[in-house]
């Protein structure tokens, strides 16, 4: 199998994948989970394993071709494993459907699904997902050097060590010990800007938030009066990420994994931060998705020339790419610590499945994250990053970067690679998803003036405590 994987046979972009409808097999519960090593005397050679894998994903119609190619190539190695992929809507839609399936007894759960860590924390609390530690080092089906490796301090590193550690460790940062999610593709936030306008006006791309606010004032003076309709020097596409990132960069408590003190954001430092941002907002220096008409992403206004800069996910690079003007890309500004929120889908595996299904799903994951294949997934998804360190050294990825060096996608990938070691993830626990939503609401409501700072924090804090 390794030689086949090395060729990067996967179709391309496969980021989409499998998803399914219902998983048959005995119900399981994480509380009693014990890994069973792959037994060739029972299941035969892994290439002859027979199983059906149900995989729920969020990929749109444009990604279906990549998925079909991926499955086709996978089946050349594993002809008896059937991958049933189904698109289940957005990440929130998948979460809602999984929650309902868990509440109904778990018989309609998929074998594996797209997830965000906040979602997995709730699944763990329900005993609905299984830890993946045993699969990683399994003698028969675990990671091998051929799957991907790199040299570090003169030593060959492979397996879990070959993954970008922030991405890998995210899957272990739960309230329960174990590896409960696996990285698929990742993204982070970048600063996109109207390069033609910057060149014309002689503006310098800001690197710190102090530089950003000063530039926004200049933009208002030099350019703002010429723009009709909804306008902002800077647009921020996620109120939640803005709040969380400012907390991280300025060492302000947000949440914690400590069971007796999880919700920390209701503090004077965070209130001062939001008060300061409210001042900048009232000064006309920035707007957010939450403050826009109909909760519209600021990328829509960026493309139409009503926003000079925007901070948005690298996974949404296609929305920043416009024929109306040349677009530049740079790391988002920082103050204090350079820190950029880690985003992008992971995969989790469900307890209500047979061992054949679990082994098959793992083999598919291993196949997809072979170094060249992971690079194919990311580059075909435009704006996402491979999850293996060795992927960045593959001939495929280096050729892609060279071919795309003048495109926005190529430039964005270079920036994300530069800041990769400065990405972070937040603590995850049952209720952490509510915390994320609520702090975004704090910022939106305070900026719009529908709540005072104290009201917004008090109400959000109460809802978060209730969700624990």
Protein backbone atom coordinates (compact mmCIF):
# COMPACT_ATOMS: atom_id res chain seq x y z
CA UNK A 1 0.00 0.00 0.00
CA UNK A 2 2.80 2.41 0.83
CA UNK A 3 4.16 2.52 -2.71
CA UNK A 4 0.73 3.29 -4.05
CA UNK A 5 0.24 6.03 -1.49
CA UNK A 6 3.60 7.54 -2.32
CA UNK A 7 2.40 8.17 -5.86
CA UNK A 8 -0.29 10.42 -4.51
CA UNK A 9 -2.90 8.51 -6.36
CA UNK A 10 -5.67 10.28 -4.84
CA UNK A 11 -7.67 12.26 -7.13
CA UNK A 12 -7.21 15.71 -6.11
CA UNK A 13 -8.65 17.81 -3.71
CA UNK A 14 -10.53 15.21 -2.11
CA UNK A 15 -11.22 17.21 0.76
CA UNK A 16 -14.72 16.46 0.48
CA UNK A 17 -15.46 13.01 1.17
CA UNK A 18 -17.42 10.57 2.40
CA UNK A 19 -20.29 10.79 4.34
CA UNK A 20 -23.03 8.61 4.94
CA UNK A 21 -26.35 8.19 6.20
CA UNK A 22 -26.62 5.52 8.74
CA UNK A 23 -24.12 3.22 10.24
CA UNK A 24 -24.92 -0.33 11.05
CA UNK A 25 -23.06 -2.29 13.64
CA UNK A 26 -23.18 -2.75 17.36
CA UNK A 27 -23.65 0.30 19.51
CA UNK A 28 -20.63 1.34 21.48
CA UNK A 29 -19.86 3.58 24.39
CA UNK A 30 -16.57 5.37 24.91
CA UNK A 31 -16.70 4.67 28.63
CA UNK A 32 -16.00 1.01 27.93
CA UNK A 33 -13.90 1.45 24.79
CA UNK A 34 -10.82 -0.72 24.51
CA UNK A 35 -8.80 -0.71 21.30
CA UNK A 36 -8.58 -4.05 19.51
CA UNK A 37 -5.43 -4.32 17.34
CA UNK A 38 -6.06 -5.32 13.75
CA UNK A 39 -5.92 -9.11 13.66
CA UNK A 40 -4.96 -10.45 10.22
CA UNK A 41 -6.03 -13.94 11.26
CA UNK A 42 -9.57 -12.60 11.67
CA UNK A 43 -9.82 -9.88 9.01
CA UNK A 44 -7.14 -10.96 6.56
CA UNK A 45 -4.74 -8.60 4.86
CA UNK A 46 -5.90 -4.96 5.25
CA UNK A 47 -6.17 -4.66 1.46
CA UNK A 48 -8.92 -7.30 1.56
CA UNK A 49 -10.94 -5.83 4.43
CA UNK A 50 -14.66 -5.69 3.70
CA UNK A 51 -16.76 -2.85 5.17
CA UNK A 52 -19.02 0.09 4.39
CA UNK A 53 -17.97 3.49 5.73
CA UNK A 54 -20.50 6.28 6.16
CA UNK A 55 -18.91 9.71 6.10
CA UNK A 56 -20.70 13.03 6.65
CA UNK A 57 -19.05 16.13 5.20
CA UNK A 58 -19.80 19.75 4.32
CA UNK A 59 -18.36 19.86 0.80
CA UNK A 60 -20.34 21.59 -1.90
CA UNK A 61 -21.18 20.45 -5.40
CA UNK A 62 -17.90 21.69 -6.86
CA UNK A 63 -15.98 19.20 -4.73
CA UNK A 64 -17.94 16.10 -5.68
CA UNK A 65 -15.66 15.27 -8.60
CA UNK A 66 -12.61 15.25 -6.35
CA UNK A 67 -14.41 13.02 -3.90
CA UNK A 68 -15.37 10.52 -6.57
CA UNK A 69 -11.80 10.39 -7.87
CA UNK A 70 -10.48 9.94 -4.37
CA UNK A 71 -12.82 7.08 -3.60
CA UNK A 72 -12.02 5.47 -6.94
CA UNK A 73 -8.28 5.59 -6.27
CA UNK A 74 -8.75 4.35 -2.71
CA UNK A 75 -10.73 1.39 -4.02
CA UNK A 76 -7.82 0.36 -6.24
CA UNK A 77 -5.99 -0.42 -3.02
CA UNK A 78 -9.00 -1.47 -0.92
CA UNK A 79 -11.53 -2.92 -3.38
CA UNK A 80 -13.88 -4.27 -0.70
CA UNK A 81 -14.28 -1.07 1.29
CA UNK A 82 -17.32 0.91 0.23
CA UNK A 83 -17.24 4.63 0.98
CA UNK A 84 -20.68 6.21 1.16
CA UNK A 85 -20.23 9.97 1.21
CA UNK A 86 -23.04 12.44 1.77
CA UNK A 87 -23.12 16.20 2.10
CA UNK A 88 -24.94 17.21 5.27
CA UNK A 89 -24.99 20.99 4.96
CA UNK A 90 -22.85 23.27 7.10
CA UNK A 91 -20.74 22.38 10.13
CA UNK A 92 -23.62 23.49 12.34
CA UNK A 93 -26.00 21.31 10.33
CA UNK A 94 -23.79 18.27 10.87
CA UNK A 95 -23.57 19.03 14.58
CA UNK A 96 -27.36 19.34 14.84
CA UNK A 97 -27.94 16.04 13.00
CA UNK A 98 -25.36 14.22 15.09
CA UNK A 99 -26.85 15.57 18.32
CA UNK A 100 -30.26 14.35 17.24
CA UNK A 101 -28.88 10.95 16.30
CA UNK A 102 -27.16 10.64 19.68
CA UNK A 103 -30.37 11.60 21.49
CA UNK A 104 -32.24 8.96 19.48
CA UNK A 105 -29.89 6.19 20.56
CA UNK A 106 -27.05 6.51 18.06
CA UNK A 107 -28.22 4.02 15.45
CA UNK A 108 -28.27 6.68 12.72
CA UNK A 109 -24.77 8.00 13.34
CA UNK A 110 -22.18 7.91 10.54
CA UNK A 111 -18.90 6.05 10.83
CA UNK A 112 -16.98 9.32 10.72
CA UNK A 113 -17.75 12.97 10.11
CA UNK A 114 -16.39 16.46 9.66
CA UNK A 115 -16.15 18.26 12.96
CA UNK A 116 -14.86 21.19 14.92
CA UNK A 117 -13.27 20.50 18.33
CA UNK A 118 -16.05 22.34 20.18
CA UNK A 119 -18.50 19.86 18.67
CA UNK A 120 -16.39 16.84 19.58
CA UNK A 121 -16.31 17.93 23.22
CA UNK A 122 -20.08 17.44 23.34
CA UNK A 123 -19.84 14.09 21.54
CA UNK A 124 -17.26 12.89 24.08
CA UNK A 125 -19.56 13.82 26.94
CA UNK A 126 -22.23 11.61 25.33
CA UNK A 127 -19.83 8.70 24.84
CA UNK A 128 -20.54 8.87 21.13
CA UNK A 129 -17.00 9.03 19.72
CA UNK A 130 -13.98 6.79 20.12
CA UNK A 131 -10.33 7.68 20.80
CA UNK A 132 -8.02 7.03 17.86
CA UNK A 133 -4.71 6.47 19.70
CA UNK A 134 -4.68 2.72 19.07
CA UNK A 135 -5.09 3.06 15.30
CA UNK A 136 -2.08 5.37 15.00
CA UNK A 137 0.47 2.81 16.20
CA UNK A 138 -1.26 -0.40 15.18
CA UNK A 139 1.36 -2.86 13.89
CA UNK A 140 -0.77 -3.89 10.91
CA UNK A 141 -2.52 -0.66 9.88
CA UNK A 142 -0.77 2.18 11.72
CA UNK A 143 1.27 4.98 10.18
CA UNK A 144 4.48 4.06 8.37
CA UNK A 145 7.53 6.00 7.20
CA UNK A 146 6.23 5.66 3.64
CA UNK A 147 3.08 7.57 4.52
CA UNK A 148 5.20 10.64 5.12
CA UNK A 149 8.28 11.62 7.07
CA UNK A 150 10.73 14.45 7.53
CA UNK A 151 14.17 14.85 9.09
CA UNK A 152 14.47 16.73 12.36
CA UNK A 153 17.76 17.09 14.25
CA UNK A 154 19.20 14.34 12.10
CA UNK A 155 16.39 11.91 12.93
CA UNK A 156 13.62 10.65 10.64
CA UNK A 157 10.25 11.63 12.07
CA UNK A 158 7.05 9.95 10.87
CA UNK A 159 3.58 9.03 12.07
CA UNK A 160 2.01 11.49 14.49
CA UNK A 161 5.31 13.37 14.63
CA UNK A 162 5.09 14.19 10.93
CA UNK A 163 1.89 16.17 11.42
CA UNK A 164 1.98 19.88 12.15
CA UNK A 165 1.90 19.63 15.94
CA UNK A 166 -0.65 22.39 16.52
CA UNK A 167 -3.03 20.55 14.21
CA UNK A 168 -2.36 17.16 15.78
CA UNK A 169 -2.46 18.33 19.39
CA UNK A 170 -5.82 19.96 18.82
CA UNK A 171 -7.24 16.44 18.64
CA UNK A 172 -5.94 15.68 22.15
CA UNK A 173 -6.96 18.90 23.89
CA UNK A 174 -10.21 17.62 25.33
CA UNK A 175 -11.48 17.19 28.86
CA UNK A 176 -10.86 13.46 28.52
CA UNK A 177 -7.45 11.99 27.79
CA UNK A 178 -7.07 10.57 24.28
CA UNK A 179 -6.94 11.46 20.60
CA UNK A 180 -10.57 12.17 19.75
CA UNK A 181 -10.26 14.00 16.43
CA UNK A 182 -7.83 13.91 13.53
CA UNK A 183 -6.74 16.88 11.39
CA UNK A 184 -8.01 16.95 7.81
CA UNK A 185 -7.18 20.34 6.31
CA UNK A 186 -6.46 23.55 8.18
CA UNK A 187 -6.71 27.27 7.64
CA UNK A 188 -6.23 30.47 9.59
CA UNK A 189 -7.06 34.16 9.28
CA UNK A 190 -5.19 36.41 6.85
CA UNK A 191 -5.27 40.06 5.90
CA UNK A 192 -6.46 40.61 2.32
CA UNK A 193 -6.13 44.10 0.88
CA UNK A 194 -6.87 46.06 -2.29
CA UNK A 195 -3.34 46.11 -3.68
CA UNK A 196 -4.16 48.50 -6.52
CA UNK A 197 -5.55 51.00 -4.03
CA UNK A 198 -2.59 50.58 -1.69
CA UNK A 199 -0.13 51.11 -4.54
CA UNK A 200 -2.05 54.13 -5.80
CA UNK A 201 -2.23 55.76 -2.38
CA UNK A 202 1.20 54.71 -1.17
CA UNK A 203 -0.17 52.99 1.93
CA UNK A 204 1.95 50.49 3.87
CA UNK A 205 0.43 47.15 4.87
CA UNK A 206 0.12 47.18 8.68
CA UNK A 207 1.75 44.50 10.82
CA UNK A 208 0.51 45.59 14.27
CA UNK A 209 -2.92 46.69 15.44
CA UNK A 210 -1.54 50.12 16.31
CA UNK A 211 -0.39 50.45 12.69
CA UNK A 212 -3.78 49.18 11.52
CA UNK A 213 -5.83 51.76 13.42
CA UNK A 214 -3.56 54.57 12.24
CA UNK A 215 -3.86 53.38 8.65
CA UNK A 216 -7.65 53.13 8.92
CA UNK A 217 -7.75 56.80 9.94
CA UNK A 218 -5.66 57.69 6.90
CA UNK A 219 -7.91 55.61 4.64
CA UNK A 220 -10.94 57.46 5.95
CA UNK A 221 -9.31 60.77 5.10
CA UNK A 222 -7.84 59.80 1.72
CA UNK A 223 -10.48 57.49 0.32
CA UNK A 224 -13.56 56.97 2.46
CA UNK A 225 -15.50 59.97 1.21
CA UNK A 226 -15.30 58.61 -2.34
CA UNK A 227 -17.13 55.37 -1.52
CA UNK A 228 -20.88 55.14 -1.76
CA UNK A 229 -22.99 52.88 0.45
CA UNK A 230 -21.78 50.53 3.17
CA UNK A 231 -18.11 51.28 3.72
CA UNK A 232 -15.23 50.45 6.04
CA UNK A 233 -11.43 50.78 5.89
CA UNK A 234 -11.28 47.30 7.47
CA UNK A 235 -13.79 44.46 7.52
CA UNK A 236 -13.55 41.50 9.91
CA UNK A 237 -15.39 38.38 8.78
CA UNK A 238 -15.82 36.78 12.22
CA UNK A 239 -16.91 38.62 15.36
CA UNK A 240 -16.11 35.46 17.35
CA UNK A 241 -12.57 35.19 16.04
CA UNK A 242 -11.92 38.89 16.58
CA UNK A 243 -12.85 38.63 20.25
CA UNK A 244 -10.94 35.38 20.82
CA UNK A 245 -7.83 36.48 18.89
CA UNK A 246 -7.60 39.80 20.73
CA UNK A 247 -7.84 37.89 24.01
CA UNK A 248 -5.05 35.52 22.98
CA UNK A 249 -2.75 38.23 21.63
CA UNK A 250 -3.16 40.37 24.74
CA UNK A 251 -3.06 37.54 27.29
CA UNK A 252 -6.66 38.09 28.38
CA UNK A 253 -8.44 35.06 29.93
CA UNK A 254 -11.10 33.56 27.65
CA UNK A 255 -11.82 29.95 28.64
CA UNK A 256 -9.99 27.17 30.46
CA UNK A 257 -9.91 23.39 30.63
CA UNK A 258 -10.03 23.52 34.42
CA UNK A 259 -13.29 21.81 35.33
CA UNK A 260 -14.14 24.22 38.15
CA UNK A 261 -13.37 27.41 36.24
CA UNK A 262 -14.01 27.03 32.52
CA UNK A 263 -15.63 30.34 31.55
CA UNK A 264 -13.14 33.17 32.12
CA UNK A 265 -14.02 35.91 29.64
CA UNK A 266 -16.24 37.88 32.05
CA UNK A 267 -13.32 39.95 33.35
CA UNK A 268 -12.25 43.58 33.45
CA UNK A 269 -9.51 43.11 30.84
CA UNK A 270 -11.92 41.70 28.28
CA UNK A 271 -14.46 44.44 29.04
CA UNK A 272 -11.76 47.07 28.54
CA UNK A 273 -10.77 45.42 25.25
CA UNK A 274 -14.34 45.51 23.93
CA UNK A 275 -14.77 49.09 25.12
CA UNK A 276 -11.66 50.08 23.18
CA UNK A 277 -12.91 48.27 20.06
CA UNK A 278 -16.25 50.04 20.42
CA UNK A 279 -14.36 53.35 20.33
CA UNK A 280 -12.57 52.34 17.11
CA UNK A 281 -15.88 51.19 15.62
CA UNK A 282 -17.59 54.48 16.47
CA UNK A 283 -14.62 56.26 14.93
CA UNK A 284 -15.43 54.42 11.68
CA UNK A 285 -12.22 52.39 11.55
CA UNK A 286 -13.71 48.92 11.05
CA UNK A 287 -16.86 46.86 10.73
CA UNK A 288 -17.61 43.20 11.23
CA UNK A 289 -19.84 40.55 9.73
CA UNK A 290 -22.16 40.90 12.71
CA UNK A 291 -22.52 44.64 12.21
CA UNK A 292 -23.13 44.40 8.47
CA UNK A 293 -26.48 44.38 6.70
CA UNK A 294 -28.18 40.97 7.04
CA UNK A 295 -25.08 39.58 8.75
CA UNK A 296 -23.29 39.60 5.38
CA UNK A 297 -19.65 38.58 5.17
CA UNK A 298 -17.43 41.62 4.68
CA UNK A 299 -15.78 39.81 1.76
CA UNK A 300 -18.83 40.76 -0.33
CA UNK A 301 -18.09 44.44 0.24
CA UNK A 302 -14.37 43.91 -0.26
CA UNK A 303 -14.97 42.51 -3.75
CA UNK A 304 -17.22 45.43 -4.65
CA UNK A 305 -14.56 47.93 -3.57
CA UNK A 306 -16.39 49.22 -0.47
CA UNK A 307 -13.82 47.80 1.95
CA UNK A 308 -10.08 48.45 1.57
CA UNK A 309 -8.93 45.52 3.72
CA UNK A 310 -10.50 42.49 5.31
CA UNK A 311 -9.46 39.81 7.76
CA UNK A 312 -10.90 36.50 6.69
CA UNK A 313 -10.15 32.79 6.65
CA UNK A 314 -7.49 31.53 4.27
CA UNK A 315 -10.05 28.81 3.51
CA UNK A 316 -12.16 31.54 1.95
CA UNK A 317 -9.41 32.87 -0.32
CA UNK A 318 -11.66 32.35 -3.34
CA UNK A 319 -14.04 34.97 -1.90
CA UNK A 320 -11.21 37.49 -1.70
CA UNK A 321 -10.14 36.80 -5.27
CA UNK A 322 -11.81 39.30 -7.58
CA UNK A 323 -11.35 40.47 -11.19
CA UNK A 324 -12.12 44.03 -10.09
CA UNK A 325 -8.61 44.74 -8.77
CA UNK A 326 -5.38 43.06 -7.72
CA UNK A 327 -5.50 41.62 -4.22
CA UNK A 328 -2.60 41.41 -1.78
CA UNK A 329 -2.35 39.11 1.21
CA UNK A 330 -0.35 39.32 4.45
CA UNK A 331 -0.47 38.00 8.01
CA UNK A 332 -3.25 39.56 10.06
CA UNK A 333 -2.01 42.24 12.48
CA UNK A 334 -1.12 41.38 16.06
CA UNK A 335 -0.47 43.12 19.33
CA UNK A 336 1.61 41.53 22.04
CA UNK A 337 1.94 37.91 20.91
CA UNK A 338 1.70 36.92 17.24
CA UNK A 339 -1.21 34.48 17.39
CA UNK A 340 -3.59 33.31 14.68
CA UNK A 341 -6.62 31.13 15.28
CA UNK A 342 -6.46 27.61 13.81
CA UNK A 343 -9.48 26.64 11.73
CA UNK A 344 -10.51 24.03 9.21
CA UNK A 345 -12.15 20.61 9.49
CA UNK A 346 -11.06 17.63 11.52
CA UNK A 347 -12.59 14.15 11.52
CA UNK A 348 -14.07 12.16 14.39
CA UNK A 349 -15.06 8.50 14.50
CA UNK A 350 -18.23 7.24 16.14
CA UNK A 351 -18.72 4.45 18.66
CA UNK A 352 -21.84 3.05 17.00
CA UNK A 353 -19.90 1.16 14.35
CA UNK A 354 -18.39 -2.24 13.82
CA UNK A 355 -14.67 -2.84 14.11
CA UNK A 356 -14.56 -3.50 10.36
CA UNK A 357 -16.02 -0.05 9.75
CA UNK A 358 -13.61 1.61 12.15
CA UNK A 359 -10.58 -0.05 10.57
CA UNK A 360 -11.85 0.86 7.10
CA UNK A 361 -12.50 4.48 8.06
CA UNK A 362 -9.02 4.73 9.57
CA UNK A 363 -7.45 3.27 6.42
CA UNK A 364 -9.25 5.89 4.38
CA UNK A 365 -8.01 8.64 6.67
CA UNK A 366 -4.47 7.28 6.49
CA UNK A 367 -4.70 7.10 2.71
CA UNK A 368 -5.93 10.68 2.43
CA UNK A 369 -3.26 12.11 4.71
CA UNK A 370 -0.30 10.49 2.98
CA UNK A 371 2.07 13.39 2.36
CA UNK A 372 1.33 13.96 -1.33
CA UNK A 373 -2.35 13.26 -0.90
CA UNK A 374 -2.69 15.74 1.94
CA UNK A 375 -1.05 18.33 -0.30
CA UNK A 376 -3.49 17.48 -3.07
CA UNK A 377 -6.46 17.90 -0.76
CA UNK A 378 -5.31 21.28 0.47
CA UNK A 379 -4.34 22.77 -2.87
CA UNK A 380 -7.47 21.52 -4.57
CA UNK A 381 -9.53 23.08 -1.79
CA UNK A 382 -7.82 26.45 -2.40
CA UNK A 383 -6.79 28.29 0.71
CA UNK A 384 -6.34 25.32 3.02
CA UNK A 385 -3.06 23.89 4.26
CA UNK A 386 -1.77 20.31 4.26
CA UNK A 387 -1.65 18.79 7.74
CA UNK A 388 1.66 16.92 7.37
CA UNK A 389 5.04 18.59 7.61
CA UNK A 390 6.37 16.31 4.87
CA UNK A 391 3.59 17.49 2.54
CA UNK A 392 5.31 20.85 2.23
CA UNK A 393 8.42 19.08 0.95
CA UNK A 394 6.74 16.93 -1.69
CA UNK A 395 7.45 17.48 -5.36
CA UNK A 396 3.75 18.01 -5.96
CA UNK A 397 3.43 20.80 -3.39
CA UNK A 398 6.65 22.56 -4.39
CA UNK A 399 5.61 22.51 -8.05
CA UNK A 400 2.16 23.83 -7.11
CA UNK A 401 3.66 26.70 -5.12
CA UNK A 402 5.94 27.55 -8.04
CA UNK A 403 3.08 27.41 -10.55
CA UNK A 404 0.82 29.48 -8.29
CA UNK A 405 3.37 31.98 -6.99
CA UNK A 406 1.69 34.85 -8.84
CA UNK A 407 -1.86 33.85 -7.90
CA UNK A 408 -3.66 34.88 -4.72
CA UNK A 409 -4.02 31.21 -3.74
CA UNK A 410 -0.28 30.62 -4.01
CA UNK A 411 0.53 33.80 -2.11
CA UNK A 412 -1.97 32.93 0.63
CA UNK A 413 -0.45 29.47 1.04
CA UNK A 414 3.01 30.98 1.44
CA UNK A 415 1.74 33.35 4.14
CA UNK A 416 -0.03 30.58 6.06
CA UNK A 417 3.12 28.48 5.92
CA UNK A 418 5.12 31.38 7.38
CA UNK A 419 2.76 31.82 10.34
CA UNK A 420 1.92 28.13 10.81
CA UNK A 421 3.87 27.83 14.08
CA UNK A 422 1.99 30.80 15.55
CA UNK A 423 -1.48 29.30 15.17
CA UNK A 424 -3.46 28.39 18.27
CA UNK A 425 -6.61 26.60 19.34
CA UNK A 426 -8.82 27.32 22.33
CA UNK A 427 -9.81 24.97 25.18
CA UNK A 428 -12.64 22.60 24.31
CA UNK A 429 -15.23 21.19 26.67
CA UNK A 430 -19.01 20.66 26.72
CA UNK A 431 -20.33 24.18 26.31
CA UNK A 432 -17.22 25.66 24.65
CA UNK A 433 -19.15 26.06 21.40
CA UNK A 434 -21.65 28.22 23.29
CA UNK A 435 -18.80 30.33 24.66
CA UNK A 436 -17.52 30.97 21.17
CA UNK A 437 -20.96 32.02 19.92
CA UNK A 438 -21.63 34.19 22.94
CA UNK A 439 -18.40 36.20 22.82
CA UNK A 440 -19.08 36.95 19.17
CA UNK A 441 -22.49 38.20 20.27
CA UNK A 442 -20.88 40.39 22.92
CA UNK A 443 -18.80 42.16 20.31
CA UNK A 444 -21.66 42.51 17.82
CA UNK A 445 -24.13 43.88 20.37
CA UNK A 446 -21.69 46.32 21.93
CA UNK A 447 -20.53 47.63 18.55
CA UNK A 448 -24.12 48.13 17.40
CA UNK A 449 -25.07 49.71 20.71
CA UNK A 450 -27.87 47.24 21.44
CA UNK A 451 -26.21 46.31 24.78
CA UNK A 452 -23.88 48.08 27.15
CA UNK A 453 -20.58 46.35 27.82
CA UNK A 454 -21.72 45.16 31.25
CA UNK A 455 -25.08 43.95 29.93
CA UNK A 456 -23.52 42.06 27.04
CA UNK A 457 -20.95 40.33 29.22
CA UNK A 458 -23.41 39.48 31.98
CA UNK A 459 -25.98 37.96 29.63
CA UNK A 460 -23.39 36.01 27.64
CA UNK A 461 -21.73 34.70 30.79
CA UNK A 462 -25.04 33.47 32.18
CA UNK A 463 -25.84 31.57 28.99
CA UNK A 464 -22.39 29.98 28.94
CA UNK A 465 -22.65 28.83 32.55
CA UNK A 466 -26.07 27.36 31.79
CA UNK A 467 -24.56 25.41 28.86
CA UNK A 468 -21.90 23.69 30.99
